[in-house]
C-alpha atoms as a PDB file:
ATOM      1  CA  MET A   1     -10.311   8.495 -75.028  1.00  0.00           C
ATOM      2  CA  SER A   2      -6.977   7.579 -76.604  1.00  0.00           C
ATOM      3  CA  LYS A   3      -5.471   9.712 -79.318  1.00  0.00           C
ATOM      4  CA  PRO A   4      -6.245   8.539 -82.870  1.00  0.00           C
ATOM      5  CA  LEU A   5      -3.779   6.272 -84.653  1.00  0.00           C
ATOM      6  CA  ILE A   6      -2.935   7.968 -87.964  1.00  0.00           C
ATOM      7  CA  ALA A   7      -0.875   6.325 -90.699  1.00  0.00           C
ATOM      8  CA  LEU A   8       1.356   8.597 -92.785  1.00  0.00           C
ATOM      9  CA  THR A   9       2.094   7.071 -96.187  1.00  0.00           C
ATOM     10  CA  MET A  10       5.488   8.128 -97.569  1.00  0.00           C
ATOM     11  CA  GLY A  11       4.284   8.759-101.145  1.00  0.00           C
ATOM     12  CA  ASP A  12       6.872   8.791-103.920  1.00  0.00           C
ATOM     13  CA  ALA A  13      10.259   8.050-102.360  1.00  0.00           C
ATOM     14  CA  ALA A  14      12.051  10.222-104.939  1.00  0.00           C
ATOM     15  CA  GLY A  15       9.993  13.283-104.016  1.00  0.00           C
ATOM     16  CA  VAL A  16       9.551  15.395-100.910  1.00  0.00           C
ATOM     17  CA  GLY A  17       7.148  13.004 -99.149  1.00  0.00           C
ATOM     18  CA  PRO A  18       9.596  11.190 -96.844  1.00  0.00           C
ATOM     19  CA  GLU A  19      11.366  14.403 -95.864  1.00  0.00           C
ATOM     20  CA  VAL A  20       8.184  16.360 -95.044  1.00  0.00           C
ATOM     21  CA  ILE A  21       7.179  13.510 -92.748  1.00  0.00           C
ATOM     22  CA  ALA A  22      10.599  13.489 -91.082  1.00  0.00           C
ATOM     23  CA  GLY A  23      10.798  17.270 -91.028  1.00  0.00           C
ATOM     24  CA  CYS A  24       7.545  17.723 -89.137  1.00  0.00           C
ATOM     25  CA  TRP A  25       8.023  14.736 -86.804  1.00  0.00           C
ATOM     26  CA  PRO A  26       9.582  16.723 -83.912  1.00  0.00           C
ATOM     27  CA  SER A  27       6.492  18.971 -83.768  1.00  0.00           C
ATOM     28  CA  ARG A  28       4.962  18.651 -80.317  1.00  0.00           C
ATOM     29  CA  GLU A  29       1.564  19.538 -81.787  1.00  0.00           C
ATOM     30  CA  ILE A  30       1.463  16.387 -83.910  1.00  0.00           C
ATOM     31  CA  HIS A  31       2.065  14.114 -80.947  1.00  0.00           C
ATOM     32  CA  ASP A  32      -0.449  16.008 -78.825  1.00  0.00           C
ATOM     33  CA  LEU A  33      -3.094  15.385 -81.492  1.00  0.00           C
ATOM     34  CA  CYS A  34      -2.491  11.761 -82.470  1.00  0.00           C
ATOM     35  CA  ARG A  35      -0.295   8.662 -82.504  1.00  0.00           C
ATOM     36  CA  PRO A  36       1.416   8.826 -85.912  1.00  0.00           C
ATOM     37  CA  LEU A  37       3.139   5.987 -87.697  1.00  0.00           C
ATOM     38  CA  VAL A  38       4.776   5.816 -91.108  1.00  0.00           C
ATOM     39  CA  VAL A  39       3.947   3.359 -93.871  1.00  0.00           C
ATOM     40  CA  GLY A  40       6.967   3.149 -96.139  1.00  0.00           C
ATOM     41  CA  HIS A  41      10.497   1.841 -96.330  1.00  0.00           C
ATOM     42  CA  PRO A  42      12.568   2.253 -93.127  1.00  0.00           C
ATOM     43  CA  GLU A  43      15.769   3.003 -95.049  1.00  0.00           C
ATOM     44  CA  ILE A  44      14.103   5.824 -96.978  1.00  0.00           C
ATOM     45  CA  VAL A  45      12.767   7.290 -93.735  1.00  0.00           C
ATOM     46  CA  ARG A  46      16.220   7.018 -92.115  1.00  0.00           C
ATOM     47  CA  ARG A  47      17.706   8.995 -95.000  1.00  0.00           C
ATOM     48  CA  ALA A  48      15.082  11.692 -94.490  1.00  0.00           C
ATOM     49  CA  VAL A  49      15.814  11.810 -90.755  1.00  0.00           C
ATOM     50  CA  ALA A  50      19.527  12.168 -91.497  1.00  0.00           C
ATOM     51  CA  LEU A  51      18.790  14.916 -94.029  1.00  0.00           C
ATOM     52  CA  TRP A  52      17.020  16.982 -91.378  1.00  0.00           C
ATOM     53  CA  ASN A  53      19.476  15.900 -88.677  1.00  0.00           C
ATOM     54  CA  ILE A  54      16.690  15.315 -86.176  1.00  0.00           C
ATOM     55  CA  PRO A  55      17.236  13.257 -83.000  1.00  0.00           C
ATOM     56  CA  ALA A  56      14.800  10.458 -83.790  1.00  0.00           C
ATOM     57  CA  GLU A  57      15.171   6.701 -84.103  1.00  0.00           C
ATOM     58  CA  VAL A  58      13.438   4.951 -87.013  1.00  0.00           C
ATOM     59  CA  ARG A  59      12.030   1.762 -85.547  1.00  0.00           C
ATOM     60  CA  GLU A  60      10.619  -0.873 -87.925  1.00  0.00           C
ATOM     61  CA  ILE A  61       7.472  -2.599 -86.693  1.00  0.00           C
ATOM     62  CA  ALA A  62       5.445  -5.413 -88.228  1.00  0.00           C
ATOM     63  CA  GLU A  63       1.881  -4.156 -87.718  1.00  0.00           C
ATOM     64  CA  PRO A  64       0.256  -0.765 -87.018  1.00  0.00           C
ATOM     65  CA  GLU A  65      -0.993  -1.862 -83.595  1.00  0.00           C
ATOM     66  CA  GLU A  66       2.647  -2.074 -82.437  1.00  0.00           C
ATOM     67  CA  ALA A  67       3.231   1.647 -82.941  1.00  0.00           C
ATOM     68  CA  ALA A  68       4.523   3.506 -79.887  1.00  0.00           C
ATOM     69  CA  PRO A  69       5.478   6.859 -81.420  1.00  0.00           C
ATOM     70  CA  SER A  70       7.154   9.771 -79.715  1.00  0.00           C
ATOM     71  CA  ARG A  71       9.116  12.785 -80.838  1.00  0.00           C
ATOM     72  CA  GLY A  72      12.204  10.592 -80.588  1.00  0.00           C
ATOM     73  CA  VAL A  73      10.804   7.389 -82.128  1.00  0.00           C
ATOM     74  CA  ILE A  74       9.381   7.009 -85.636  1.00  0.00           C
ATOM     75  CA  PRO A  75       7.592   3.664 -86.039  1.00  0.00           C
ATOM     76  CA  VAL A  76       7.639   2.451 -89.651  1.00  0.00           C
ATOM     77  CA  VAL A  77       5.662  -0.428 -91.120  1.00  0.00           C
ATOM     78  CA  LYS A  78       7.357  -1.638 -94.296  1.00  0.00           C
ATOM     79  CA  ARG A  79       4.777  -2.442 -96.959  1.00  0.00           C
ATOM     80  CA  CYS A  80       6.874  -2.072-100.120  1.00  0.00           C
ATOM     81  CA  ALA A  81       9.714  -3.866-101.878  1.00  0.00           C
ATOM     82  CA  ASP A  82      13.344  -3.204-100.988  1.00  0.00           C
ATOM     83  CA  ASP A  83      14.201  -2.153-104.548  1.00  0.00           C
ATOM     84  CA  VAL A  84      12.697   1.294-103.905  1.00  0.00           C
ATOM     85  CA  ALA A  85      15.748   2.093-101.762  1.00  0.00           C
ATOM     86  CA  ALA A  86      17.890   1.998-104.932  1.00  0.00           C
ATOM     87  CA  ALA A  87      15.744   4.518-106.838  1.00  0.00           C
ATOM     88  CA  PRO A  88      17.511   7.862-107.423  1.00  0.00           C
ATOM     89  CA  PRO A  89      16.062  11.044-105.915  1.00  0.00           C
ATOM     90  CA  ALA A  90      14.053  13.496-108.004  1.00  0.00           C
ATOM     91  CA  MET A  91      13.560  11.037-110.869  1.00  0.00           C
ATOM     92  CA  ILE A  92      10.428   9.359-112.206  1.00  0.00           C
ATOM     93  CA  ASP A  93      10.861   5.683-111.375  1.00  0.00           C
ATOM     94  CA  ALA A  94       8.458   2.739-111.538  1.00  0.00           C
ATOM     95  CA  ARG A  95       9.888   1.374-108.277  1.00  0.00           C
ATOM     96  CA  CYS A  96       8.758   4.532-106.502  1.00  0.00           C
ATOM     97  CA  GLY A  97       5.338   4.323-108.119  1.00  0.00           C
ATOM     98  CA  GLN A  98       4.889   0.731-107.020  1.00  0.00           C
ATOM     99  CA  ALA A  99       6.060   1.465-103.468  1.00  0.00           C
ATOM    100  CA  ALA A 100       3.680   4.420-103.191  1.00  0.00           C
ATOM    101  CA  TYR A 101       0.813   2.231-104.389  1.00  0.00           C
ATOM    102  CA  ASP A 102       1.651  -0.624-102.003  1.00  0.00           C
ATOM    103  CA  CYS A 103       1.892   1.658 -98.972  1.00  0.00           C
ATOM    104  CA  LEU A 104      -1.351   3.436 -99.790  1.00  0.00           C
ATOM    105  CA  ASN A 105      -3.179   0.168-100.384  1.00  0.00           C
ATOM    106  CA  ALA A 106      -2.021  -1.234 -97.042  1.00  0.00           C
ATOM    107  CA  ALA A 107      -3.034   1.875 -95.109  1.00  0.00           C
ATOM    108  CA  ALA A 108      -6.449   2.032 -96.801  1.00  0.00           C
ATOM    109  CA  VAL A 109      -7.160  -1.596 -95.888  1.00  0.00           C
ATOM    110  CA  TRP A 110      -6.175  -0.939 -92.274  1.00  0.00           C
ATOM    111  CA  ALA A 111      -8.508   2.052 -92.169  1.00  0.00           C
ATOM    112  CA  LEU A 112     -11.369   0.052 -93.666  1.00  0.00           C
ATOM    113  CA  ASP A 113     -10.752  -2.703 -91.103  1.00  0.00           C
ATOM    114  CA  GLY A 114     -10.669  -0.223 -88.227  1.00  0.00           C
ATOM    115  CA  ARG A 115      -7.025  -0.938 -87.381  1.00  0.00           C
ATOM    116  CA  ILE A 116      -6.112   2.737 -87.806  1.00  0.00           C
ATOM    117  CA  ASP A 117      -8.308   5.803 -87.388  1.00  0.00           C
ATOM    118  CA  ALA A 118      -7.167   7.799 -90.429  1.00  0.00           C
ATOM    119  CA  LEU A 119      -4.499   8.083 -93.075  1.00  0.00           C
ATOM    120  CA  THR A 120      -2.565  11.138 -94.181  1.00  0.00           C
ATOM    121  CA  THR A 121      -0.744  10.810 -97.469  1.00  0.00           C
ATOM    122  CA  ALA A 122       2.452  12.345 -98.761  1.00  0.00           C
ATOM    123  CA  PRO A 123       2.403  13.092-102.513  1.00  0.00           C
ATOM    124  CA  LEU A 124       2.851  10.440-105.163  1.00  0.00           C
ATOM    125  CA  HIS A 125       3.948  11.044-108.746  1.00  0.00           C
ATOM    126  CA  LYS A 126       1.267  10.175-111.296  1.00  0.00           C
ATOM    127  CA  ALA A 127       3.782   9.277-114.025  1.00  0.00           C
ATOM    128  CA  ALA A 128       5.668   6.924-111.695  1.00  0.00           C
ATOM    129  CA  LEU A 129       2.380   5.349-110.655  1.00  0.00           C
ATOM    130  CA  HIS A 130       1.516   4.787-114.320  1.00  0.00           C
ATOM    131  CA  LEU A 131       4.976   3.335-115.048  1.00  0.00           C
ATOM    132  CA  ALA A 132       4.305   0.804-112.317  1.00  0.00           C
ATOM    133  CA  GLY A 133       1.097  -0.225-114.108  1.00  0.00           C
ATOM    134  CA  HIS A 134      -1.441   1.564-111.926  1.00  0.00           C
ATOM    135  CA  HIS A 135      -3.411   3.862-114.202  1.00  0.00           C
ATOM    136  CA  TYR A 136      -5.124   6.261-111.833  1.00  0.00           C
ATOM    137  CA  PRO A 137      -5.180  10.067-112.083  1.00  0.00           C
ATOM    138  CA  GLY A 138      -4.140  10.333-108.445  1.00  0.00           C
ATOM    139  CA  HIS A 139      -4.764   9.410-104.811  1.00  0.00           C
ATOM    140  CA  THR A 140      -8.423  10.434-104.864  1.00  0.00           C
ATOM    141  CA  GLU A 141      -9.545   8.092-107.621  1.00  0.00           C
ATOM    142  CA  LEU A 142      -7.329   5.257-106.395  1.00  0.00           C
ATOM    143  CA  LEU A 143      -8.757   5.432-102.886  1.00  0.00           C
ATOM    144  CA  ALA A 144     -12.311   5.652-104.199  1.00  0.00           C
ATOM    145  CA  GLU A 145     -11.795   2.377-106.059  1.00  0.00           C
ATOM    146  CA  LEU A 146     -10.116   0.703-103.073  1.00  0.00           C
ATOM    147  CA  CYS A 147     -13.048   1.767-100.882  1.00  0.00           C
ATOM    148  CA  GLY A 148     -15.656   0.793-103.476  1.00  0.00           C
ATOM    149  CA  VAL A 149     -17.325   4.208-103.747  1.00  0.00           C
ATOM    150  CA  ARG A 150     -18.522   6.121-106.804  1.00  0.00           C
ATOM    151  CA  ASP A 151     -19.730   9.347-105.197  1.00  0.00           C
ATOM    152  CA  PHE A 152     -16.556  11.122-104.054  1.00  0.00           C
ATOM    153  CA  ALA A 153     -14.753  14.441-104.362  1.00  0.00           C
ATOM    154  CA  MET A 154     -11.562  16.285-103.522  1.00  0.00           C
ATOM    155  CA  MET A 155     -11.798  19.162-101.093  1.00  0.00           C
ATOM    156  CA  LEU A 156      -9.057  21.683-100.425  1.00  0.00           C
ATOM    157  CA  TYR A 157      -9.457  22.899 -96.866  1.00  0.00           C
ATOM    158  CA  LEU A 158      -7.985  25.820 -94.979  1.00  0.00           C
ATOM    159  CA  GLY A 159      -8.563  25.759 -91.257  1.00  0.00           C
ATOM    160  CA  PRO A 160      -9.323  28.912 -89.272  1.00  0.00           C
ATOM    161  CA  GLN A 161      -6.556  31.460 -89.799  1.00  0.00           C
ATOM    162  CA  PRO A 162      -6.031  35.236 -90.123  1.00  0.00           C
ATOM    163  CA  THR A 163      -6.624  35.222 -93.898  1.00  0.00           C
ATOM    164  CA  LEU A 164     -10.161  33.863 -93.446  1.00  0.00           C
ATOM    165  CA  ALA A 165     -13.102  35.435 -91.645  1.00  0.00           C
ATOM    166  CA  GLY A 166     -15.060  32.192 -91.178  1.00  0.00           C
ATOM    167  CA  ALA A 167     -14.626  30.441 -87.825  1.00  0.00           C
ATOM    168  CA  ALA A 168     -14.834  26.987 -89.437  1.00  0.00           C
ATOM    169  CA  GLY A 169     -12.246  27.687 -92.112  1.00  0.00           C
ATOM    170  CA  LEU A 170     -13.031  27.243 -95.795  1.00  0.00           C
ATOM    171  CA  GLY A 171     -13.442  24.199 -98.027  1.00  0.00           C
ATOM    172  CA  VAL A 172     -13.417  24.103-101.826  1.00  0.00           C
ATOM    173  CA  ILE A 173     -14.939  21.008-103.453  1.00  0.00           C
ATOM    174  CA  HIS A 174     -14.407  20.158-107.123  1.00  0.00           C
ATOM    175  CA  VAL A 175     -17.122  18.790-109.419  1.00  0.00           C
ATOM    176  CA  THR A 176     -14.555  17.599-111.972  1.00  0.00           C
ATOM    177  CA  LEU A 177     -10.982  16.886-110.997  1.00  0.00           C
ATOM    178  CA  HIS A 178      -8.004  15.270-112.727  1.00  0.00           C
ATOM    179  CA  MET A 179      -8.853  15.611-116.395  1.00  0.00           C
ATOM    180  CA  ALA A 180      -7.983  17.760-119.391  1.00  0.00           C
ATOM    181  CA  LEU A 181      -9.817  21.064-119.450  1.00  0.00           C
ATOM    182  CA  ARG A 182     -11.498  20.141-122.748  1.00  0.00           C
ATOM    183  CA  ASP A 183     -13.088  17.113-121.009  1.00  0.00           C
ATOM    184  CA  VAL A 184     -14.714  19.144-118.234  1.00  0.00           C
ATOM    185  CA  PHE A 185     -17.756  20.046-120.344  1.00  0.00           C
ATOM    186  CA  ALA A 186     -18.647  16.411-120.971  1.00  0.00           C
ATOM    187  CA  HIS A 187     -18.438  15.528-117.268  1.00  0.00           C
ATOM    188  CA  LEU A 188     -20.282  18.540-115.867  1.00  0.00           C
ATOM    189  CA  THR A 189     -23.868  17.508-115.126  1.00  0.00           C
ATOM    190  CA  THR A 190     -26.638  18.641-112.809  1.00  0.00           C
ATOM    191  CA  PRO A 191     -26.556  15.397-110.744  1.00  0.00           C
ATOM    192  CA  GLU A 192     -22.782  15.753-110.309  1.00  0.00           C
ATOM    193  CA  VAL A 193     -23.102  19.323-109.053  1.00  0.00           C
ATOM    194  CA  ILE A 194     -25.855  18.264-106.627  1.00  0.00           C
ATOM    195  CA  ALA A 195     -23.709  15.394-105.371  1.00  0.00           C
ATOM    196  CA  LYS A 196     -20.771  17.713-104.649  1.00  0.00           C
ATOM    197  CA  ILE A 197     -23.025  20.191-102.828  1.00  0.00           C
ATOM    198  CA  ARG A 198     -24.191  17.322-100.635  1.00  0.00           C
ATOM    199  CA  LEU A 199     -20.626  16.179 -99.911  1.00  0.00           C
ATOM    200  CA  ALA A 200     -19.621  19.755 -99.100  1.00  0.00           C
ATOM    201  CA  HIS A 201     -22.560  20.039 -96.719  1.00  0.00           C
ATOM    202  CA  GLU A 202     -21.720  16.792 -94.934  1.00  0.00           C
ATOM    203  CA  VAL A 203     -18.040  17.465 -94.282  1.00  0.00           C
ATOM    204  CA  MET A 204     -18.365  21.142 -93.395  1.00  0.00           C
ATOM    205  CA  ARG A 205     -21.302  20.412 -91.104  1.00  0.00           C
ATOM    206  CA  ARG A 206     -19.046  17.960 -89.276  1.00  0.00           C
ATOM    207  CA  ILE A 207     -16.319  20.598 -88.976  1.00  0.00           C
ATOM    208  CA  LYS A 208     -18.580  23.557 -88.209  1.00  0.00           C
ATOM    209  CA  GLY A 209     -21.090  21.780 -86.001  1.00  0.00           C
ATOM    210  CA  GLU A 210     -24.058  23.219 -87.901  1.00  0.00           C
ATOM    211  CA  ALA A 211     -25.341  23.558 -91.455  1.00  0.00           C
ATOM    212  CA  PRO A 212     -22.722  25.300 -93.619  1.00  0.00           C
ATOM    213  CA  ARG A 213     -23.320  28.027 -96.190  1.00  0.00           C
ATOM    214  CA  ILE A 214     -22.266  26.847 -99.644  1.00  0.00           C
ATOM    215  CA  GLY A 215     -21.456  29.043-102.620  1.00  0.00           C
ATOM    216  CA  VAL A 216     -21.539  27.422-106.042  1.00  0.00           C
ATOM    217  CA  ALA A 217     -19.227  28.702-108.765  1.00  0.00           C
ATOM    218  CA  ALA A 218     -20.164  29.506-112.334  1.00  0.00           C
ATOM    219  CA  LEU A 219     -18.205  27.874-115.138  1.00  0.00           C
ATOM    220  CA  ASN A 220     -17.908  30.684-117.664  1.00  0.00           C
ATOM    221  CA  PRO A 221     -16.543  34.239-117.366  1.00  0.00           C
ATOM    222  CA  HIS A 222     -19.030  36.592-115.691  1.00  0.00           C
ATOM    223  CA  GLY A 223     -21.315  33.630-115.058  1.00  0.00           C
ATOM    224  CA  GLY A 224     -21.967  33.276-118.774  1.00  0.00           C
ATOM    225  CA  GLU A 225     -23.170  36.884-119.167  1.00  0.00           C
ATOM    226  CA  SER A 226     -26.802  35.837-119.793  1.00  0.00           C
ATOM    227  CA  GLY A 227     -25.720  33.208-122.297  1.00  0.00           C
ATOM    228  CA  LEU A 228     -23.271  35.310-124.279  1.00  0.00           C
ATOM    229  CA  PHE A 229     -20.274  33.333-122.977  1.00  0.00           C
ATOM    230  CA  GLY A 230     -21.952  29.961-122.477  1.00  0.00           C
ATOM    231  CA  ASP A 231     -25.173  28.473-121.133  1.00  0.00           C
ATOM    232  CA  GLU A 232     -23.861  25.923-118.599  1.00  0.00           C
ATOM    233  CA  GLU A 233     -24.946  28.199-115.753  1.00  0.00           C
ATOM    234  CA  THR A 234     -28.626  28.236-116.727  1.00  0.00           C
ATOM    235  CA  ARG A 235     -28.727  24.739-118.207  1.00  0.00           C
ATOM    236  CA  ILE A 236     -26.701  22.737-115.635  1.00  0.00           C
ATOM    237  CA  ILE A 237     -25.526  24.624-112.557  1.00  0.00           C
ATOM    238  CA  ALA A 238     -28.518  26.766-111.556  1.00  0.00           C
ATOM    239  CA  PRO A 239     -30.930  23.775-111.660  1.00  0.00           C
ATOM    240  CA  ALA A 240     -28.532  21.908-109.373  1.00  0.00           C
ATOM    241  CA  VAL A 241     -28.439  24.785-106.890  1.00  0.00           C
ATOM    242  CA  ILE A 242     -32.248  24.993-106.877  1.00  0.00           C
ATOM    243  CA  ALA A 243     -32.589  21.234-106.348  1.00  0.00           C
ATOM    244  CA  ALA A 244     -30.004  21.271-103.547  1.00  0.00           C
ATOM    245  CA  HIS A 245     -31.747  24.183-101.840  1.00  0.00           C
ATOM    246  CA  GLU A 246     -35.059  22.364-102.043  1.00  0.00           C
ATOM    247  CA  ALA A 247     -33.389  19.320-100.458  1.00  0.00           C
ATOM    248  CA  GLY A 248     -32.434  21.423 -97.446  1.00  0.00           C
ATOM    249  CA  TYR A 249     -28.875  22.475 -98.255  1.00  0.00           C
ATOM    250  CA  GLU A 250     -27.971  26.143 -97.870  1.00  0.00           C
ATOM    251  CA  ALA A 251     -26.575  26.461-101.372  1.00  0.00           C
ATOM    252  CA  HIS A 252     -26.410  29.669-103.406  1.00  0.00           C
ATOM    253  CA  GLY A 253     -25.240  30.570-106.914  1.00  0.00           C
ATOM    254  CA  PRO A 254     -23.919  30.166-109.460  1.00  0.00           C
ATOM    255  CA  PHE A 255     -21.547  33.071-108.917  1.00  0.00           C
ATOM    256  CA  PRO A 256     -18.432  34.056-110.892  1.00  0.00           C
ATOM    257  CA  ILE A 257     -15.451  32.521-109.105  1.00  0.00           C
ATOM    258  CA  ASP A 258     -13.479  35.774-108.858  1.00  0.00           C
ATOM    259  CA  THR A 259     -16.108  37.432-106.668  1.00  0.00           C
ATOM    260  CA  LEU A 260     -17.293  34.229-104.988  1.00  0.00           C
ATOM    261  CA  MET A 261     -13.873  33.488-103.480  1.00  0.00           C
ATOM    262  CA  VAL A 262     -13.646  37.011-102.063  1.00  0.00           C
ATOM    263  CA  ARG A 263     -17.049  36.581-100.430  1.00  0.00           C
ATOM    264  CA  ALA A 264     -16.017  33.172 -99.069  1.00  0.00           C
ATOM    265  CA  ARG A 265     -12.761  34.584 -97.726  1.00  0.00           C
ATOM    266  CA  ASP A 266     -14.740  37.272 -95.945  1.00  0.00           C
ATOM    267  CA  GLY A 267     -16.923  34.706 -94.184  1.00  0.00           C
ATOM    268  CA  GLU A 268     -20.101  34.700 -96.263  1.00  0.00           C
ATOM    269  CA  PHE A 269     -19.639  31.029 -97.229  1.00  0.00           C
ATOM    270  CA  ASP A 270     -18.094  28.037 -95.450  1.00  0.00           C
ATOM    271  CA  ALA A 271     -17.597  26.050 -98.636  1.00  0.00           C
ATOM    272  CA  VAL A 272     -17.326  26.678-102.357  1.00  0.00           C
ATOM    273  CA  VAL A 273     -18.207  24.168-105.072  1.00  0.00           C
ATOM    274  CA  ALA A 274     -15.823  24.723-108.002  1.00  0.00           C
ATOM    275  CA  MET A 275     -16.458  23.292-111.447  1.00  0.00           C
ATOM    276  CA  TYR A 276     -12.902  22.168-112.268  1.00  0.00           C
ATOM    277  CA  HIS A 277      -9.488  21.623-110.704  1.00  0.00           C
ATOM    278  CA  ASP A 278      -7.665  24.919-111.231  1.00  0.00           C
ATOM    279  CA  GLN A 279     -10.762  27.027-110.604  1.00  0.00           C
ATOM    280  CA  GLY A 280     -10.639  25.973-106.972  1.00  0.00           C
ATOM    281  CA  HIS A 281      -6.953  25.251-106.491  1.00  0.00           C
ATOM    282  CA  ILE A 282      -5.534  28.577-107.633  1.00  0.00           C
ATOM    283  CA  ALA A 283      -7.747  30.670-105.374  1.00  0.00           C
ATOM    284  CA  MET A 284      -7.215  28.456-102.318  1.00  0.00           C
ATOM    285  CA  LYS A 285      -3.454  28.309-102.717  1.00  0.00           C
ATOM    286  CA  LEU A 286      -3.292  32.072-102.984  1.00  0.00           C
ATOM    287  CA  LEU A 287      -5.152  32.239 -99.677  1.00  0.00           C
ATOM    288  CA  GLY A 288      -2.875  29.724 -97.940  1.00  0.00           C
ATOM    289  CA  MET A 289      -0.454  27.765-100.099  1.00  0.00           C
ATOM    290  CA  HIS A 290       1.445  26.028 -97.310  1.00  0.00           C
ATOM    291  CA  ARG A 291      -1.506  25.521 -94.971  1.00  0.00           C
ATOM    292  CA  ALA A 292      -3.963  24.019 -97.436  1.00  0.00           C
ATOM    293  CA  VAL A 293      -5.007  20.403 -96.914  1.00  0.00           C
ATOM    294  CA  ASN A 294      -6.509  17.894 -99.320  1.00  0.00           C
ATOM    295  CA  VAL A 295      -9.474  15.932 -97.917  1.00  0.00           C
ATOM    296  CA  THR A 296     -11.155  13.120 -99.850  1.00  0.00           C
ATOM    297  CA  LEU A 297     -14.932  13.242 -99.395  1.00  0.00           C
ATOM    298  CA  GLY A 298     -17.334  10.345 -99.770  1.00  0.00           C
ATOM    299  CA  LEU A 299     -15.000   7.645 -98.440  1.00  0.00           C
ATOM    300  CA  PRO A 300     -15.923   5.424 -95.485  1.00  0.00           C
ATOM    301  CA  ILE A 301     -12.505   6.332 -94.019  1.00  0.00           C
ATOM    302  CA  VAL A 302     -10.773   9.593 -93.073  1.00  0.00           C
ATOM    303  CA  ARG A 303      -8.058  10.592 -95.540  1.00  0.00           C
ATOM    304  CA  THR A 304      -6.183  13.857 -95.709  1.00  0.00           C
ATOM    305  CA  SER A 305      -3.106  14.894 -97.640  1.00  0.00           C
ATOM    306  CA  VAL A 306      -0.685  17.693 -98.239  1.00  0.00           C
ATOM    307  CA  ALA A 307      -1.885  20.062-100.962  1.00  0.00           C
ATOM    308  CA  HIS A 308       1.350  19.986-102.965  1.00  0.00           C
ATOM    309  CA  GLY A 309       3.070  17.560-105.297  1.00  0.00           C
ATOM    310  CA  THR A 310       6.321  15.621-105.223  1.00  0.00           C
ATOM    311  CA  ALA A 311       8.357  18.803-105.936  1.00  0.00           C
ATOM    312  CA  PHE A 312      11.305  17.104-107.598  1.00  0.00           C
ATOM    313  CA  ASP A 313      12.977  20.506-107.927  1.00  0.00           C
ATOM    314  CA  LEU A 314      13.203  20.683-104.117  1.00  0.00           C
ATOM    315  CA  ALA A 315      13.364  17.010-103.202  1.00  0.00           C
ATOM    316  CA  TRP A 316      16.119  15.738-100.932  1.00  0.00           C
ATOM    317  CA  ARG A 317      17.703  19.173-100.578  1.00  0.00           C
ATOM    318  CA  ARG A 318      16.239  20.059 -97.170  1.00  0.00           C
ATOM    319  CA  LYS A 319      14.125  22.756 -98.787  1.00  0.00           C
ATOM    320  CA  ALA A 320      10.707  21.116 -98.524  1.00  0.00           C
ATOM    321  CA  GLU A 321       7.938  22.976 -96.690  1.00  0.00           C
ATOM    322  CA  THR A 322       6.503  20.892 -93.834  1.00  0.00           C
ATOM    323  CA  SER A 323       3.556  23.026 -92.673  1.00  0.00           C
ATOM    324  CA  SER A 324       1.049  21.412 -95.055  1.00  0.00           C
ATOM    325  CA  MET A 325       1.819  17.987 -93.566  1.00  0.00           C
ATOM    326  CA  VAL A 326       1.269  19.353 -90.061  1.00  0.00           C
ATOM    327  CA  GLU A 327      -2.072  20.808 -91.156  1.00  0.00           C
ATOM    328  CA  ALA A 328      -3.056  17.567 -92.898  1.00  0.00           C
ATOM    329  CA  ILE A 329      -2.426  15.583 -89.718  1.00  0.00           C
ATOM    330  CA  ARG A 330      -4.297  18.183 -87.659  1.00  0.00           C
ATOM    331  CA  THR A 331      -7.300  18.003 -90.010  1.00  0.00           C
ATOM    332  CA  ALA A 332      -7.317  14.192 -89.951  1.00  0.00           C
ATOM    333  CA  ALA A 333      -7.382  14.233 -86.154  1.00  0.00           C
ATOM    334  CA  LEU A 334     -10.192  16.809 -86.203  1.00  0.00           C
ATOM    335  CA  LEU A 335     -12.303  14.730 -88.601  1.00  0.00           C
ATOM    336  CA  VAL A 336     -11.793  11.596 -86.521  1.00  0.00           C
ATOM    337  CA  ASP A 337     -12.899  13.485 -83.414  1.00  0.00           C
ATOM    338  CA  ARG A 338     -15.946  15.011 -85.110  1.00  0.00           C
ATOM    339  CA  ARG A 339     -16.910  11.698 -86.679  1.00  0.00           C
ATOM    340  CA  GLY A 340     -17.154  10.225 -83.193  1.00  0.00           C
ATOM    341  CA  LYS A 341     -19.466  13.036 -82.130  1.00  0.00           C
END
């Protein structure tokens, strides 16, 4: 069986996206796992290659099927306007937002059409995306709309490593995602919690090869302290856990997140369902900041991403960390392989 063809979208050209792609390109591991290609602007990628001073030729191709990557050849399909090459580094710019959107859209269509096996995305800048007229909170929601799905979620995933006891790694799925904290309460419902438990079960079962153990987080401090600090646990979350358990999912909780993440780290759970963005992100990034991977669940395609942003404070200074991109590509290849099985 041939290695999967994985498209790497360059993200916001003013941020660290192009350079993390170029910086990790010489990794033998990447080329052992897949056939990578870049969706972006060839000139931007050439600048990133020059920044890292790596011995690789950027070769523009017309279609993804033409890709013949190697550690010395970076195939790039241009799917954005040339004006992005004039955008300054580390600045919010509508040209970068539009280019990021165009590249992502092209790669998603290829994945839906079966022309590529997966896509791995470098970070885009939400403000630049909005300046370009695309009003999405981020990659996750944009891809859900492109794929025509309503039941989706973001998962942060850490593969097996010394900081984790579980052999399958650890995934954290978020019930609510890119929204103000004050809006979380209006969007937290029993059906939504059940849906995220199901998505967690599906992806971690694919990774683990058997039914995963899922821990569900409480919303309030100390799990609400019997209603003293809030009743969302008894009114919303616990009924969802009971319903999920009755449906055959090995779900448990709700548990306070501070103790739940320790138990998950120690191997008691394969996945954690968090109620909001920072509840899951902070704990996971403390466990493995540069090895965490973003996986979008519920899509008919495989999509992974680095777990960091555009990092304008580091961009185009040869200071960007590349390990998250390597892990994102590794996870995409793993999911493609397990999907086939």
